[in-house]
């Protein structure tokens, strides 16, 4: 989770990623940030994020992203 927070801060600094649950809803992350984020997460965590997973529910919080990453790693 710590590395995820670091990646998020590299993309958009100044957001409380530990507690924010509205990253998409409140436009902290825009579509370009999401594209960059997906690429970074795939490289860093050795996963493939299918298009069907790129939904606000999976990207509104660091916790939701971490749960998606963990699930995709387990599915391998």
C-alpha atoms as a PDB file:
ATOM      1  CA  UNK A   1       0.000   0.000   0.000  1.00  0.00           C
ATOM      2  CA  UNK A   2       2.893   2.357   0.768  1.00  0.00           C
ATOM      3  CA  UNK A   3       4.223   2.072  -2.798  1.00  0.00           C
ATOM      4  CA  UNK A   4       0.722   2.761  -4.141  1.00  0.00           C
ATOM      5  CA  UNK A   5       0.581   6.009  -2.147  1.00  0.00           C
ATOM      6  CA  UNK A   6       4.017   6.986  -3.519  1.00  0.00           C
ATOM      7  CA  UNK A   7       2.826   6.374  -7.099  1.00  0.00           C
ATOM      8  CA  UNK A   8      -0.315   8.438  -6.487  1.00  0.00           C
ATOM      9  CA  UNK A   9       1.737  11.300  -5.041  1.00  0.00           C
ATOM     10  CA  UNK A  10       3.997  11.246  -8.104  1.00  0.00           C
ATOM     11  CA  UNK A  11       0.940  11.620 -10.338  1.00  0.00           C
ATOM     12  CA  UNK A  12      -0.918  14.214  -8.235  1.00  0.00           C
ATOM     13  CA  UNK A  13       0.734  15.629  -5.129  1.00  0.00           C
ATOM     14  CA  UNK A  14      -1.085  17.340  -2.280  1.00  0.00           C
ATOM     15  CA  UNK A  15      -3.988  14.927  -1.849  1.00  0.00           C
ATOM     16  CA  UNK A  16      -4.685  12.981   1.356  1.00  0.00           C
ATOM     17  CA  UNK A  17      -4.644   9.589  -0.340  1.00  0.00           C
ATOM     18  CA  UNK A  18      -4.785   7.740   2.971  1.00  0.00           C
ATOM     19  CA  UNK A  19      -8.260   9.099   3.752  1.00  0.00           C
ATOM     20  CA  UNK A  20      -9.815  10.422   0.531  1.00  0.00           C
ATOM     21  CA  UNK A  21     -12.642   8.290  -0.873  1.00  0.00           C
ATOM     22  CA  UNK A  22     -13.657  10.627  -3.706  1.00  0.00           C
ATOM     23  CA  UNK A  23     -10.557  10.776  -5.909  1.00  0.00           C
ATOM     24  CA  UNK A  24     -12.621  10.422  -9.086  1.00  0.00           C
ATOM     25  CA  UNK A  25     -15.872  12.004  -7.900  1.00  0.00           C
ATOM     26  CA  UNK A  26     -14.100  15.166  -6.727  1.00  0.00           C
ATOM     27  CA  UNK A  27     -11.798  15.258  -9.797  1.00  0.00           C
ATOM     28  CA  UNK A  28      -8.535  14.831  -7.894  1.00  0.00           C
ATOM     29  CA  UNK A  29      -7.650  12.338 -10.618  1.00  0.00           C
ATOM     30  CA  UNK A  30      -8.679  13.130 -14.183  1.00  0.00           C
ATOM     31  CA  UNK A  31      -8.737  10.797 -17.166  1.00  0.00           C
ATOM     32  CA  UNK A  32      -5.096  11.443 -18.086  1.00  0.00           C
ATOM     33  CA  UNK A  33      -4.026  10.747 -14.513  1.00  0.00           C
ATOM     34  CA  UNK A  34      -5.979   7.478 -14.575  1.00  0.00           C
ATOM     35  CA  UNK A  35      -4.270   6.403 -17.804  1.00  0.00           C
ATOM     36  CA  UNK A  36      -0.866   7.123 -16.264  1.00  0.00           C
ATOM     37  CA  UNK A  37      -1.879   5.438 -13.039  1.00  0.00           C
ATOM     38  CA  UNK A  38      -3.045   2.262 -14.775  1.00  0.00           C
ATOM     39  CA  UNK A  39       0.278   1.988 -16.621  1.00  0.00           C
ATOM     40  CA  UNK A  40       2.273   2.585 -13.419  1.00  0.00           C
ATOM     41  CA  UNK A  41       0.246   0.061 -11.422  1.00  0.00           C
ATOM     42  CA  UNK A  42       0.575  -2.585 -14.118  1.00  0.00           C
ATOM     43  CA  UNK A  43       4.353  -2.133 -14.231  1.00  0.00           C
ATOM     44  CA  UNK A  44       4.903  -1.854 -10.492  1.00  0.00           C
ATOM     45  CA  UNK A  45       2.647  -4.695  -9.355  1.00  0.00           C
ATOM     46  CA  UNK A  46       3.018  -6.992 -12.382  1.00  0.00           C
ATOM     47  CA  UNK A  47      -0.698  -7.045 -13.151  1.00  0.00           C
ATOM     48  CA  UNK A  48      -2.952  -6.372 -16.104  1.00  0.00           C
ATOM     49  CA  UNK A  49      -5.891  -4.088 -15.361  1.00  0.00           C
ATOM     50  CA  UNK A  50      -8.698  -5.026 -17.770  1.00  0.00           C
ATOM     51  CA  UNK A  51     -10.804  -2.205 -19.184  1.00  0.00           C
ATOM     52  CA  UNK A  52     -13.831  -3.439 -17.219  1.00  0.00           C
ATOM     53  CA  UNK A  53     -11.902  -2.725 -13.988  1.00  0.00           C
ATOM     54  CA  UNK A  54     -11.299   0.937 -14.861  1.00  0.00           C
ATOM     55  CA  UNK A  55     -14.372   2.258 -13.076  1.00  0.00           C
ATOM     56  CA  UNK A  56     -14.768   4.917 -10.376  1.00  0.00           C
ATOM     57  CA  UNK A  57     -15.448   2.309  -7.672  1.00  0.00           C
ATOM     58  CA  UNK A  58     -11.944   0.900  -8.164  1.00  0.00           C
ATOM     59  CA  UNK A  59     -10.185   4.284  -8.291  1.00  0.00           C
ATOM     60  CA  UNK A  60     -12.058   6.532  -5.832  1.00  0.00           C
ATOM     61  CA  UNK A  61      -9.692   5.665  -2.981  1.00  0.00           C
ATOM     62  CA  UNK A  62      -6.255   4.192  -2.426  1.00  0.00           C
ATOM     63  CA  UNK A  63      -7.929   1.426  -0.416  1.00  0.00           C
ATOM     64  CA  UNK A  64     -10.161   0.486  -3.366  1.00  0.00           C
ATOM     65  CA  UNK A  65      -7.158   0.519  -5.695  1.00  0.00           C
ATOM     66  CA  UNK A  66      -5.177  -1.669  -3.313  1.00  0.00           C
ATOM     67  CA  UNK A  67      -8.060  -4.149  -3.092  1.00  0.00           C
ATOM     68  CA  UNK A  68      -8.217  -4.283  -6.906  1.00  0.00           C
ATOM     69  CA  UNK A  69      -4.436  -4.758  -7.165  1.00  0.00           C
ATOM     70  CA  UNK A  70      -4.486  -7.555  -4.587  1.00  0.00           C
ATOM     71  CA  UNK A  71      -7.399  -9.276  -6.310  1.00  0.00           C
ATOM     72  CA  UNK A  72      -5.741  -9.072  -9.730  1.00  0.00           C
ATOM     73  CA  UNK A  73      -2.474 -10.431  -8.317  1.00  0.00           C
ATOM     74  CA  UNK A  74      -4.326 -13.378  -6.786  1.00  0.00           C
ATOM     75  CA  UNK A  75      -6.151 -14.063 -10.053  1.00  0.00           C
ATOM     76  CA  UNK A  76      -2.747 -13.987 -11.745  1.00  0.00           C
END
